Amino acid sequence: MFLSLYVNGNSVESIFEFQYSSEKLNPFWKIMNQTNGQLSANTSTLSEYIYPSTNTGDGCYYDIRQGMSVRQGYIWKYIGREREGSSREELEITGNFIIYRLAEIYMIKAEALTQLGIQSGNRSYYEEALQALQLVRNRGNAVDSTDLISTDDNFDGKTLEQFIL
């Protein structure tokens, strides 16, 4: 999946991408590589407060965000050759730059439906929004502890709005 999405480009998960090739390299390498890039995250804070761990015990589950500290502050999806391994050189940066992914469109849809539900009071909008949200969560292996409404069948629009955010 990593190779299809970030290295080769034109993935089934993307909606719109800037196209690059060996004749027209991706210019973002200069700001994404380890010597120039200054992007980093405090992964202990992310793991503890923002993205808590899961209790599934699934050996295939991993948190891709942890790679930011391991990769010394640069964004691996734009620099790496594969999920784990060596980085690409500047002349190998032909991967497309993704503008919209399918997951983003589902999230936008969920947010819009939630707002319609809040305005109209019609709970059917919430149910449709929740379906779009669950597609994204299932695809991304979202951890159970981040599901704000899994035990609440009578959630309101503001709770769903917070869940989406």
N, C-alpha and C. Protein backbone atom coordinates (compact mmCIF):
# COMPACT_ATOMS: atom_id res chain seq x y z
N MET A 1 0.83 -1.19 0.00
CA MET A 1 0.00 0.00 0.00
C MET A 1 0.87 1.26 0.00
N PHE A 2 1.93 1.27 0.80
CA PHE A 2 2.83 2.42 0.87
C PHE A 2 3.40 2.73 -0.51
N LEU A 3 3.89 1.70 -1.17
CA LEU A 3 4.49 1.86 -2.50
C LEU A 3 3.47 2.40 -3.49
N SER A 4 2.28 1.84 -3.47
CA SER A 4 1.22 2.26 -4.39
C SER A 4 0.80 3.71 -4.15
N LEU A 5 0.69 4.08 -2.90
CA LEU A 5 0.16 5.40 -2.56
C LEU A 5 1.20 6.51 -2.65
N TYR A 6 2.38 6.29 -2.10
CA TYR A 6 3.34 7.39 -1.96
C TYR A 6 4.53 7.34 -2.91
N VAL A 7 4.91 6.17 -3.37
CA VAL A 7 6.10 6.08 -4.22
C VAL A 7 5.72 6.10 -5.70
N ASN A 8 4.84 5.18 -6.10
CA ASN A 8 4.46 5.10 -7.51
C ASN A 8 3.40 6.12 -7.90
N GLY A 9 2.52 6.45 -7.00
CA GLY A 9 1.48 7.44 -7.28
C GLY A 9 0.27 6.87 -7.99
N ASN A 10 -0.73 7.72 -8.16
CA ASN A 10 -1.99 7.37 -8.79
C ASN A 10 -2.66 6.18 -8.10
N SER A 11 -2.78 6.28 -6.81
CA SER A 11 -3.38 5.24 -6.00
C SER A 11 -4.90 5.29 -6.10
N VAL A 12 -5.54 4.17 -5.81
CA VAL A 12 -7.00 4.13 -5.78
C VAL A 12 -7.54 4.93 -4.61
N GLU A 13 -6.69 5.30 -3.66
CA GLU A 13 -7.13 6.07 -2.50
C GLU A 13 -7.05 7.57 -2.71
N SER A 14 -6.50 8.02 -3.81
CA SER A 14 -6.37 9.46 -4.01
C SER A 14 -7.41 9.95 -5.01
N ILE A 15 -7.77 11.20 -4.86
CA ILE A 15 -8.75 11.84 -5.74
C ILE A 15 -8.04 12.77 -6.71
N PHE A 16 -7.07 13.54 -6.19
CA PHE A 16 -6.36 14.52 -7.01
C PHE A 16 -4.91 14.55 -6.59
N GLU A 17 -4.01 14.43 -7.55
CA GLU A 17 -2.57 14.43 -7.29
C GLU A 17 -1.85 15.33 -8.29
N PHE A 18 -0.79 16.01 -7.82
CA PHE A 18 0.13 16.66 -8.75
C PHE A 18 1.03 15.56 -9.27
N GLN A 19 1.16 15.45 -10.58
CA GLN A 19 1.92 14.38 -11.22
C GLN A 19 3.39 14.78 -11.38
N TYR A 20 4.30 13.84 -11.06
CA TYR A 20 5.74 14.07 -11.24
C TYR A 20 6.35 12.85 -11.90
N SER A 21 7.52 13.04 -12.51
CA SER A 21 8.23 11.97 -13.20
C SER A 21 9.72 12.27 -13.14
N SER A 22 10.53 11.44 -13.80
CA SER A 22 11.97 11.69 -13.81
C SER A 22 12.31 12.97 -14.59
N GLU A 23 11.43 13.39 -15.51
CA GLU A 23 11.64 14.65 -16.24
C GLU A 23 11.22 15.86 -15.40
N LYS A 24 10.23 15.67 -14.55
CA LYS A 24 9.74 16.76 -13.69
C LYS A 24 9.64 16.22 -12.27
N LEU A 25 10.72 16.42 -11.50
CA LEU A 25 10.79 15.89 -10.14
C LEU A 25 9.87 16.65 -9.20
N ASN A 26 9.46 15.99 -8.15
CA ASN A 26 8.65 16.60 -7.10
C ASN A 26 9.50 17.64 -6.37
N PRO A 27 9.13 18.92 -6.44
CA PRO A 27 9.96 19.97 -5.83
C PRO A 27 9.88 20.00 -4.30
N PHE A 28 8.97 19.23 -3.71
CA PHE A 28 8.80 19.27 -2.26
C PHE A 28 9.90 18.52 -1.52
N TRP A 29 10.75 17.78 -2.23
CA TRP A 29 11.83 17.03 -1.59
C TRP A 29 12.71 17.96 -0.78
N LYS A 30 12.98 19.13 -1.30
CA LYS A 30 13.89 20.07 -0.64
C LYS A 30 13.38 20.48 0.75
N ILE A 31 12.07 20.51 0.93
CA ILE A 31 11.56 20.86 2.26
C ILE A 31 11.19 19.64 3.10
N MET A 32 11.18 18.46 2.48
CA MET A 32 10.79 17.25 3.19
C MET A 32 11.96 16.38 3.62
N ASN A 33 13.17 16.64 3.13
CA ASN A 33 14.27 15.74 3.44
C ASN A 33 14.86 16.01 4.81
N GLN A 34 15.68 15.10 5.28
CA GLN A 34 16.17 15.16 6.65
C GLN A 34 17.12 16.31 6.92
N THR A 35 17.81 16.84 5.93
CA THR A 35 18.75 17.91 6.20
C THR A 35 18.09 19.28 6.22
N ASN A 36 17.02 19.44 5.47
CA ASN A 36 16.35 20.74 5.41
C ASN A 36 15.04 20.78 6.17
N GLY A 37 14.35 19.64 6.26
CA GLY A 37 13.03 19.63 6.88
C GLY A 37 13.10 19.85 8.39
N GLN A 38 12.24 20.68 8.89
CA GLN A 38 12.18 20.96 10.32
C GLN A 38 10.87 20.51 10.93
N LEU A 39 10.17 19.61 10.25
CA LEU A 39 8.90 19.12 10.74
C LEU A 39 9.13 18.01 11.73
N SER A 40 8.57 18.14 12.92
CA SER A 40 8.69 17.06 13.89
C SER A 40 7.51 17.14 14.85
N ALA A 41 7.29 16.07 15.54
CA ALA A 41 6.19 16.00 16.49
C ALA A 41 6.69 15.34 17.76
N ASN A 42 6.12 15.74 18.87
CA ASN A 42 6.42 15.10 20.14
C ASN A 42 5.57 13.84 20.18
N THR A 43 6.14 12.72 19.75
CA THR A 43 5.35 11.50 19.60
C THR A 43 4.87 10.95 20.93
N SER A 44 5.56 11.24 22.03
CA SER A 44 5.06 10.75 23.31
C SER A 44 3.75 11.45 23.67
N THR A 45 3.66 12.74 23.37
CA THR A 45 2.41 13.48 23.61
C THR A 45 1.32 12.99 22.66
N LEU A 46 1.68 12.80 21.38
CA LEU A 46 0.69 12.30 20.43
C LEU A 46 0.14 10.96 20.86
N SER A 47 1.03 10.05 21.25
CA SER A 47 0.61 8.71 21.63
C SER A 47 -0.22 8.70 22.90
N GLU A 48 0.14 9.54 23.85
CA GLU A 48 -0.53 9.51 25.15
C GLU A 48 -1.88 10.24 25.13
N TYR A 49 -1.93 11.40 24.48
CA TYR A 49 -3.13 12.23 24.57
C TYR A 49 -3.98 12.26 23.31
N ILE A 50 -3.36 12.27 22.16
CA ILE A 50 -4.10 12.43 20.91
C ILE A 50 -4.48 11.08 20.31
N TYR A 51 -3.54 10.16 20.23
CA TYR A 51 -3.76 8.86 19.60
C TYR A 51 -3.43 7.75 20.59
N PRO A 52 -4.31 7.47 21.53
CA PRO A 52 -4.02 6.41 22.52
C PRO A 52 -3.96 5.04 21.86
N SER A 53 -3.32 4.11 22.55
CA SER A 53 -3.12 2.79 21.98
C SER A 53 -4.42 1.99 21.93
N THR A 54 -4.40 0.91 21.20
CA THR A 54 -5.54 0.04 21.07
C THR A 54 -5.37 -1.19 21.96
N ASN A 55 -6.45 -1.84 22.24
CA ASN A 55 -6.42 -3.05 23.05
C ASN A 55 -6.66 -4.30 22.22
N THR A 56 -6.57 -4.19 20.90
CA THR A 56 -6.92 -5.32 20.05
C THR A 56 -5.88 -6.43 20.10
N GLY A 57 -4.64 -6.11 20.38
CA GLY A 57 -3.59 -7.13 20.40
C GLY A 57 -3.24 -7.65 19.02
N ASP A 58 -3.67 -6.97 17.99
CA ASP A 58 -3.41 -7.37 16.62
C ASP A 58 -1.94 -7.12 16.29
N GLY A 59 -1.21 -8.16 15.94
CA GLY A 59 0.21 -8.04 15.63
C GLY A 59 0.49 -7.24 14.37
N CYS A 60 -0.50 -7.09 13.49
CA CYS A 60 -0.32 -6.33 12.26
C CYS A 60 -0.58 -4.84 12.47
N TYR A 61 -1.07 -4.48 13.64
CA TYR A 61 -1.41 -3.09 13.91
C TYR A 61 -0.13 -2.32 14.25
N TYR A 62 0.04 -1.17 13.68
CA TYR A 62 1.16 -0.30 14.03
C TYR A 62 0.72 1.15 13.86
N ASP A 63 1.41 2.05 14.50
CA ASP A 63 1.09 3.46 14.46
C ASP A 63 2.11 4.15 13.56
N ILE A 64 1.70 4.54 12.37
CA ILE A 64 2.62 5.12 11.41
C ILE A 64 3.16 6.47 11.89
N ARG A 65 2.44 7.13 12.79
CA ARG A 65 2.90 8.43 13.29
C ARG A 65 4.18 8.31 14.09
N GLN A 66 4.46 7.13 14.66
CA GLN A 66 5.68 6.96 15.43
C GLN A 66 6.92 7.14 14.57
N GLY A 67 6.79 6.95 13.27
CA GLY A 67 7.94 7.08 12.38
C GLY A 67 8.51 8.47 12.31
N MET A 68 7.78 9.48 12.77
CA MET A 68 8.30 10.83 12.66
C MET A 68 9.55 11.02 13.51
N SER A 69 9.58 10.51 14.71
CA SER A 69 10.77 10.69 15.54
C SER A 69 11.88 9.77 15.07
N VAL A 70 11.54 8.57 14.63
CA VAL A 70 12.53 7.63 14.13
C VAL A 70 13.19 8.18 12.88
N ARG A 71 12.43 8.87 12.08
CA ARG A 71 12.93 9.41 10.82
C ARG A 71 13.56 10.79 10.98
N GLN A 72 13.83 11.21 12.19
CA GLN A 72 14.55 12.45 12.50
C GLN A 72 13.84 13.70 12.00
N GLY A 73 12.52 13.71 12.05
CA GLY A 73 11.79 14.93 11.80
C GLY A 73 11.34 15.18 10.38
N TYR A 74 11.49 14.26 9.46
CA TYR A 74 10.97 14.50 8.13
C TYR A 74 9.81 13.56 7.84
N ILE A 75 9.06 13.87 6.82
CA ILE A 75 7.84 13.13 6.52
C ILE A 75 8.18 11.95 5.62
N TRP A 76 8.14 10.76 6.20
CA TRP A 76 8.62 9.56 5.53
C TRP A 76 7.85 9.22 4.27
N LYS A 77 6.57 9.50 4.22
CA LYS A 77 5.80 9.12 3.04
C LYS A 77 6.29 9.84 1.79
N TYR A 78 6.97 10.96 1.92
CA TYR A 78 7.50 11.67 0.77
C TYR A 78 8.96 11.34 0.49
N ILE A 79 9.64 10.76 1.46
CA ILE A 79 11.07 10.51 1.34
C ILE A 79 11.40 9.02 1.20
N GLY A 80 10.59 8.15 1.81
CA GLY A 80 10.92 6.72 1.86
C GLY A 80 10.65 5.97 0.57
N ARG A 81 11.38 4.86 0.41
CA ARG A 81 11.16 3.95 -0.72
C ARG A 81 10.09 2.93 -0.40
N GLU A 82 9.92 2.64 0.87
CA GLU A 82 8.95 1.66 1.36
C GLU A 82 8.62 2.04 2.81
N ARG A 83 7.68 1.32 3.41
CA ARG A 83 7.26 1.67 4.77
C ARG A 83 8.43 1.68 5.74
N GLU A 84 9.31 0.73 5.64
CA GLU A 84 10.54 0.67 6.43
C GLU A 84 11.69 0.55 5.45
N GLY A 85 12.83 1.14 5.74
CA GLY A 85 13.98 0.98 4.86
C GLY A 85 14.68 2.28 4.58
N SER A 86 15.28 2.36 3.41
CA SER A 86 16.10 3.51 3.08
C SER A 86 15.27 4.63 2.45
N SER A 87 15.85 5.82 2.47
CA SER A 87 15.17 6.97 1.88
C SER A 87 15.58 7.12 0.42
N ARG A 88 14.77 7.86 -0.31
CA ARG A 88 15.04 8.13 -1.71
C ARG A 88 15.96 9.35 -1.81
N GLU A 89 16.72 9.39 -2.88
CA GLU A 89 17.56 10.55 -3.18
C GLU A 89 16.73 11.56 -3.95
N GLU A 90 17.23 12.77 -4.09
CA GLU A 90 16.46 13.83 -4.75
C GLU A 90 16.05 13.45 -6.16
N LEU A 91 16.91 12.79 -6.92
CA LEU A 91 16.58 12.43 -8.31
C LEU A 91 15.58 11.28 -8.40
N GLU A 92 15.25 10.68 -7.26
CA GLU A 92 14.26 9.59 -7.23
C GLU A 92 12.89 10.08 -6.77
N ILE A 93 12.74 11.34 -6.51
CA ILE A 93 11.48 11.86 -5.98
C ILE A 93 10.53 12.14 -7.14
N THR A 94 9.92 11.08 -7.61
CA THR A 94 8.97 11.19 -8.71
C THR A 94 7.54 10.89 -8.26
N GLY A 95 7.39 10.55 -6.99
CA GLY A 95 6.06 10.26 -6.47
C GLY A 95 5.17 11.49 -6.52
N ASN A 96 3.92 11.28 -6.80
CA ASN A 96 2.97 12.39 -6.90
C ASN A 96 2.72 13.01 -5.53
N PHE A 97 2.30 14.26 -5.54
CA PHE A 97 1.93 14.95 -4.31
C PHE A 97 0.41 14.90 -4.22
N ILE A 98 -0.09 14.22 -3.19
CA ILE A 98 -1.53 14.00 -3.05
C ILE A 98 -2.19 15.25 -2.47
N ILE A 99 -3.20 15.73 -3.16
CA ILE A 99 -3.96 16.88 -2.69
C ILE A 99 -5.20 16.40 -1.93
N TYR A 100 -5.96 15.50 -2.51
CA TYR A 100 -7.13 14.94 -1.84
C TYR A 100 -7.05 13.42 -1.86
N ARG A 101 -7.32 12.84 -0.69
CA ARG A 101 -7.47 11.40 -0.59
C ARG A 101 -8.93 11.09 -0.36
N LEU A 102 -9.33 9.90 -0.72
CA LEU A 102 -10.71 9.47 -0.57
C LEU A 102 -11.17 9.63 0.88
N ALA A 103 -10.29 9.32 1.82
CA ALA A 103 -10.65 9.44 3.24
C ALA A 103 -11.03 10.88 3.59
N GLU A 104 -10.33 11.85 3.00
CA GLU A 104 -10.66 13.25 3.28
C GLU A 104 -12.06 13.60 2.77
N ILE A 105 -12.42 13.06 1.63
CA ILE A 105 -13.74 13.34 1.06
C ILE A 105 -14.82 12.76 1.97
N TYR A 106 -14.59 11.54 2.49
CA TYR A 106 -15.54 10.96 3.44
C TYR A 106 -15.66 11.81 4.70
N MET A 107 -14.55 12.34 5.17
CA MET A 107 -14.59 13.18 6.37
C MET A 107 -15.35 14.49 6.11
N ILE A 108 -15.12 15.08 4.94
CA ILE A 108 -15.84 16.30 4.57
C ILE A 108 -17.34 16.00 4.49
N LYS A 109 -17.68 14.86 3.89
CA LYS A 109 -19.08 14.45 3.80
C LYS A 109 -19.68 14.28 5.19
N ALA A 110 -18.96 13.60 6.08
CA ALA A 110 -19.46 13.37 7.43
C ALA A 110 -19.68 14.70 8.16
N GLU A 111 -18.76 15.62 7.99
CA GLU A 111 -18.90 16.92 8.65
C GLU A 111 -20.11 17.68 8.10
N ALA A 112 -20.29 17.67 6.78
CA ALA A 112 -21.42 18.37 6.17
C ALA A 112 -22.74 17.76 6.61
N LEU A 113 -22.83 16.43 6.63
CA LEU A 113 -24.06 15.77 7.05
C LEU A 113 -24.37 16.06 8.52
N THR A 114 -23.34 16.11 9.33
CA THR A 114 -23.54 16.43 10.75
C THR A 114 -24.11 17.83 10.90
N GLN A 115 -23.56 18.77 10.15
CA GLN A 115 -24.07 20.15 10.23
C GLN A 115 -25.51 20.23 9.75
N LEU A 116 -25.84 19.47 8.70
CA LEU A 116 -27.24 19.44 8.24
C LEU A 116 -28.15 18.86 9.33
N GLY A 117 -27.66 17.82 10.00
CA GLY A 117 -28.44 17.22 11.09
C GLY A 117 -28.64 18.17 12.25
N ILE A 118 -27.61 18.91 12.60
CA ILE A 118 -27.72 19.89 13.70
C ILE A 118 -28.73 20.96 13.34
N GLN A 119 -28.66 21.45 12.11
CA GLN A 119 -29.57 22.51 11.67
C GLN A 119 -31.02 22.04 11.59
N SER A 120 -31.23 20.82 11.08
CA SER A 120 -32.59 20.35 10.83
C SER A 120 -33.17 19.53 11.98
N GLY A 121 -32.31 18.98 12.82
CA GLY A 121 -32.77 18.08 13.88
C GLY A 121 -33.09 16.68 13.38
N ASN A 122 -32.75 16.39 12.13
CA ASN A 122 -33.03 15.08 11.53
C ASN A 122 -31.86 14.13 11.79
N ARG A 123 -32.10 13.09 12.62
CA ARG A 123 -31.04 12.15 12.99
C ARG A 123 -30.56 11.27 11.84
N SER A 124 -31.33 11.19 10.75
CA SER A 124 -30.88 10.37 9.62
C SER A 124 -29.58 10.92 9.02
N TYR A 125 -29.39 12.24 9.12
CA TYR A 125 -28.12 12.82 8.68
C TYR A 125 -26.97 12.29 9.53
N TYR A 126 -27.20 12.15 10.84
CA TYR A 126 -26.15 11.65 11.74
C TYR A 126 -25.77 10.22 11.38
N GLU A 127 -26.78 9.42 11.06
CA GLU A 127 -26.50 8.02 10.72
C GLU A 127 -25.67 7.92 9.45
N GLU A 128 -26.00 8.74 8.45
CA GLU A 128 -25.23 8.74 7.20
C GLU A 128 -23.82 9.27 7.43
N ALA A 129 -23.70 10.29 8.28
CA ALA A 129 -22.37 10.83 8.62
C ALA A 129 -21.53 9.78 9.33
N LEU A 130 -22.16 9.05 10.23
CA LEU A 130 -21.45 8.01 10.97
C LEU A 130 -20.98 6.89 10.04
N GLN A 131 -21.76 6.56 9.03
CA GLN A 131 -21.34 5.55 8.06
C GLN A 131 -20.08 5.99 7.31
N ALA A 132 -20.06 7.26 6.88
CA ALA A 132 -18.87 7.78 6.18
C ALA A 132 -17.66 7.79 7.11
N LEU A 133 -17.89 8.18 8.35
CA LEU A 133 -16.81 8.21 9.35
C LEU A 133 -16.27 6.81 9.63
N GLN A 134 -17.15 5.83 9.72
CA GLN A 134 -16.72 4.46 10.00
C GLN A 134 -15.92 3.86 8.83
N LEU A 135 -16.23 4.26 7.61
CA LEU A 135 -15.43 3.81 6.46
C LEU A 135 -13.97 4.24 6.63
N VAL A 136 -13.77 5.47 7.05
CA VAL A 136 -12.42 5.99 7.25
C VAL A 136 -11.76 5.29 8.43
N ARG A 137 -12.48 5.14 9.52
CA ARG A 137 -11.91 4.50 10.71
C ARG A 137 -11.55 3.04 10.45
N ASN A 138 -12.41 2.32 9.75
CA ASN A 138 -12.13 0.91 9.45
C ASN A 138 -10.92 0.78 8.53
N ARG A 139 -10.83 1.61 7.51
CA ARG A 139 -9.71 1.55 6.57
C ARG A 139 -8.39 1.89 7.29
N GLY A 140 -8.45 2.83 8.21
CA GLY A 140 -7.25 3.27 8.91
C GLY A 140 -6.94 2.49 10.18
N ASN A 141 -7.71 1.44 10.46
CA ASN A 141 -7.52 0.66 11.69
C ASN A 141 -7.53 1.55 12.93
N ALA A 142 -8.50 2.44 13.00
CA ALA A 142 -8.60 3.36 14.15
C ALA A 142 -8.75 2.57 15.43
N VAL A 143 -8.07 3.02 16.46
CA VAL A 143 -8.11 2.31 17.73
C VAL A 143 -9.46 2.52 18.42
N ASP A 144 -9.89 1.49 19.12
CA ASP A 144 -11.20 1.51 19.79
C ASP A 144 -11.31 2.66 20.78
N SER A 145 -10.21 2.98 21.44
CA SER A 145 -10.26 4.01 22.48
C SER A 145 -10.51 5.40 21.93
N THR A 146 -10.44 5.58 20.61
CA THR A 146 -10.73 6.88 20.02
C THR A 146 -12.17 6.99 19.51
N ASP A 147 -12.96 5.95 19.68
CA ASP A 147 -14.36 5.99 19.24
C ASP A 147 -15.19 6.65 20.32
N LEU A 148 -15.58 7.89 20.08
CA LEU A 148 -16.29 8.68 21.10
C LEU A 148 -17.74 8.26 21.31
N ILE A 149 -18.30 7.54 20.34
CA ILE A 149 -19.73 7.23 20.46
C ILE A 149 -20.02 5.74 20.38
N SER A 150 -19.03 4.88 20.53
CA SER A 150 -19.24 3.45 20.36
C SER A 150 -20.21 2.88 21.40
N THR A 151 -20.27 3.48 22.57
CA THR A 151 -21.16 2.96 23.61
C THR A 151 -22.41 3.81 23.79
N ASP A 152 -22.59 4.79 22.90
CA ASP A 152 -23.72 5.71 23.03
C ASP A 152 -24.55 5.70 21.75
N ASP A 153 -25.70 5.06 21.79
CA ASP A 153 -26.58 5.03 20.61
C ASP A 153 -27.43 6.28 20.49
N ASN A 154 -27.42 7.11 21.52
CA ASN A 154 -28.24 8.30 21.53
C ASN A 154 -27.39 9.58 21.52
N PHE A 155 -26.35 9.58 20.69
CA PHE A 155 -25.46 10.74 20.62
C PHE A 155 -26.16 11.91 19.94
N ASP A 156 -25.69 13.11 20.23
CA ASP A 156 -26.26 14.30 19.60
C ASP A 156 -25.30 14.82 18.52
N GLY A 157 -25.73 15.84 17.81
CA GLY A 157 -24.95 16.39 16.71
C GLY A 157 -23.63 16.97 17.15
N LYS A 158 -23.61 17.63 18.29
CA LYS A 158 -22.36 18.23 18.78
C LYS A 158 -21.34 17.16 19.16
N THR A 159 -21.81 16.04 19.70
CA THR A 159 -20.90 14.94 20.02
C THR A 159 -20.33 14.34 18.74
N LEU A 160 -21.17 14.16 17.75
CA LEU A 160 -20.70 13.64 16.46
C LEU A 160 -19.73 14.62 15.81
N GLU A 161 -20.03 15.89 15.92
CA GLU A 161 -19.14 16.93 15.38
C GLU A 161 -17.76 16.84 16.04
N GLN A 162 -17.73 16.69 17.34
CA GLN A 162 -16.47 16.57 18.07
C GLN A 162 -15.73 15.29 17.65
N PHE A 163 -16.48 14.21 17.46
CA PHE A 163 -15.90 12.94 17.03
C PHE A 163 -15.21 13.09 15.68
N ILE A 164 -15.85 13.77 14.75
CA ILE A 164 -15.27 13.98 13.43
C ILE A 164 -14.01 14.83 13.53
N LEU A 165 -14.08 15.88 14.32
CA LEU A 165 -12.90 16.74 14.48
C LEU A 165 -11.77 16.00 15.14
